[in-house]
Amino acid sequence: MKQLSTLVLCLLSADSVVLAALTDPTQPPRAHLASVARIQQKQVGGFVLSGVKITEEKRVAILNGQIVGVGDRVANSTVLEIHPSFVVIDYLNDERTVRLLAKQVRQPIESER
């Protein structure tokens, strides 16, 4: 009986080791996600800029989880300008800049320029 319980314990322990080894390699480490969350909390007026897409026809940004263009409103603010690494907003009649984190800025490849 003792051998059986030892065997079951070993099998359960081995299972957790295998699961730990099978983490998604495309996801950032949890420590990085926590530091990004802390930085985003310190963003201008609670605004978080998650992404920017600029084409010849249109400029859009993801601000506080919403896809916005110039002139759109988000949480008592109006989007004034959209640039590759930041967005300028009018927040309660005060012009502010909300920036992407440096590592999130994607440079266009040669064929996109």
Protein backbone atom coordinates (compact mmCIF):
# COMPACT_ATOMS: atom_id res chain seq x y z
CA MET A 1 0.00 0.00 0.00
CA LYS A 2 2.84 2.36 0.82
CA GLN A 3 4.43 1.64 -2.57
CA LEU A 4 1.17 2.41 -4.33
CA SER A 5 0.76 5.76 -2.59
CA THR A 6 4.39 6.60 -3.36
CA LEU A 7 3.83 5.70 -7.01
CA VAL A 8 0.69 7.86 -7.20
CA LEU A 9 2.54 10.76 -5.58
CA CYS A 10 5.40 10.43 -8.07
CA LEU A 11 3.00 10.35 -11.01
CA LEU A 12 1.18 13.45 -9.81
CA SER A 13 4.48 15.28 -9.28
CA ALA A 14 5.73 14.30 -12.74
CA ASP A 15 2.50 15.60 -14.27
CA SER A 16 3.04 19.10 -12.86
CA VAL A 17 6.66 19.10 -14.08
CA VAL A 18 5.49 18.21 -17.61
CA LEU A 19 2.83 20.93 -17.52
CA ALA A 20 5.38 23.51 -16.39
CA ALA A 21 7.60 22.54 -19.30
CA LEU A 22 4.71 23.03 -21.75
CA THR A 23 4.15 26.75 -21.24
CA ASP A 24 3.39 28.81 -24.34
CA PRO A 25 6.73 30.10 -25.67
CA THR A 26 5.02 32.93 -27.57
CA GLN A 27 3.76 34.57 -24.38
CA PRO A 28 5.93 37.01 -22.40
CA PRO A 29 7.06 35.91 -18.94
CA ARG A 30 4.62 36.67 -16.13
CA ALA A 31 7.13 39.04 -14.50
CA HIS A 32 7.20 41.12 -17.69
CA LEU A 33 3.40 41.31 -17.78
CA ALA A 34 3.34 42.54 -14.19
CA SER A 35 5.89 45.29 -14.93
CA VAL A 36 3.94 46.36 -18.03
CA ALA A 37 0.76 46.60 -15.94
CA ARG A 38 2.55 48.79 -13.37
CA ILE A 39 3.85 51.11 -16.09
CA GLN A 40 0.46 51.32 -17.77
CA GLN A 41 -1.17 52.34 -14.49
CA LYS A 42 1.17 55.35 -14.44
CA GLN A 43 0.14 56.44 -17.95
CA VAL A 44 -1.33 59.91 -18.48
CA GLY A 45 -4.64 60.30 -16.64
CA GLY A 46 -5.18 56.55 -16.61
CA PHE A 47 -5.06 56.36 -20.43
CA VAL A 48 -3.36 53.35 -21.97
CA LEU A 49 -2.24 53.30 -25.60
CA SER A 50 -2.01 49.68 -26.75
CA GLY A 51 -1.38 50.07 -30.45
CA VAL A 52 -1.27 52.36 -33.47
CA LYS A 53 -1.91 51.60 -37.12
CA ILE A 54 -1.12 54.16 -39.79
CA THR A 55 -1.90 53.65 -43.47
CA GLU A 56 -2.05 56.11 -46.36
CA GLU A 57 -5.82 56.34 -45.93
CA LYS A 58 -6.31 56.18 -42.18
CA ARG A 59 -4.75 56.55 -38.73
CA VAL A 60 -6.21 54.55 -35.85
CA ALA A 61 -5.11 53.79 -32.32
CA ILE A 62 -6.20 51.51 -29.51
CA LEU A 63 -6.74 53.79 -26.54
CA ASN A 64 -8.16 52.28 -23.35
CA GLY A 65 -9.15 49.20 -25.34
CA GLN A 66 -11.16 51.16 -27.93
CA ILE A 67 -10.25 51.61 -31.58
CA VAL A 68 -10.27 55.36 -32.20
CA GLY A 69 -9.43 57.84 -34.93
CA VAL A 70 -8.71 61.57 -34.88
CA GLY A 71 -11.73 63.40 -33.47
CA ASP A 72 -13.11 60.39 -31.58
CA ARG A 73 -13.94 60.68 -27.88
CA VAL A 74 -12.70 58.38 -25.11
CA ALA A 75 -13.39 58.94 -21.40
CA ASN A 76 -13.76 62.75 -21.32
CA SER A 77 -11.08 63.27 -23.95
CA THR A 78 -10.85 63.85 -27.69
CA VAL A 79 -8.15 62.34 -29.90
CA LEU A 80 -6.29 65.23 -31.59
CA GLU A 81 -3.36 63.50 -33.32
CA ILE A 82 -2.17 59.94 -33.94
CA HIS A 83 1.55 59.28 -34.44
CA PRO A 84 3.50 55.97 -34.74
CA SER A 85 4.46 55.87 -31.05
CA PHE A 86 2.07 58.26 -29.33
CA VAL A 87 -1.35 59.90 -29.40
CA VAL A 88 -2.16 63.49 -28.48
CA ILE A 89 -5.46 63.96 -26.68
CA ASP A 90 -7.44 66.89 -25.31
CA TYR A 91 -8.26 65.78 -21.76
CA LEU A 92 -10.53 68.24 -19.96
CA ASN A 93 -9.17 71.16 -22.05
CA ASP A 94 -5.56 70.11 -21.39
CA GLU A 95 -3.46 68.73 -24.26
CA ARG A 96 -1.69 65.52 -23.23
CA THR A 97 0.49 62.91 -24.91
CA VAL A 98 -0.10 59.20 -24.30
CA ARG A 99 2.84 57.05 -25.40
CA LEU A 100 3.30 53.42 -26.35
CA LEU A 101 5.86 51.47 -24.40
CA ALA A 102 9.15 51.53 -26.31
CA LYS A 103 9.17 47.76 -26.89
CA GLN A 104 5.69 47.85 -28.43
CA VAL A 105 6.67 50.20 -31.26
CA ARG A 106 6.90 48.24 -34.49
CA GLN A 107 9.03 49.61 -37.30
CA PRO A 108 7.66 49.13 -40.83
CA ILE A 109 9.49 46.70 -43.05
CA GLU A 110 11.11 48.11 -46.18
CA SER A 111 8.21 47.15 -48.49
CA GLU A 112 5.73 49.08 -46.27
CA ARG A 113 7.64 52.38 -46.41
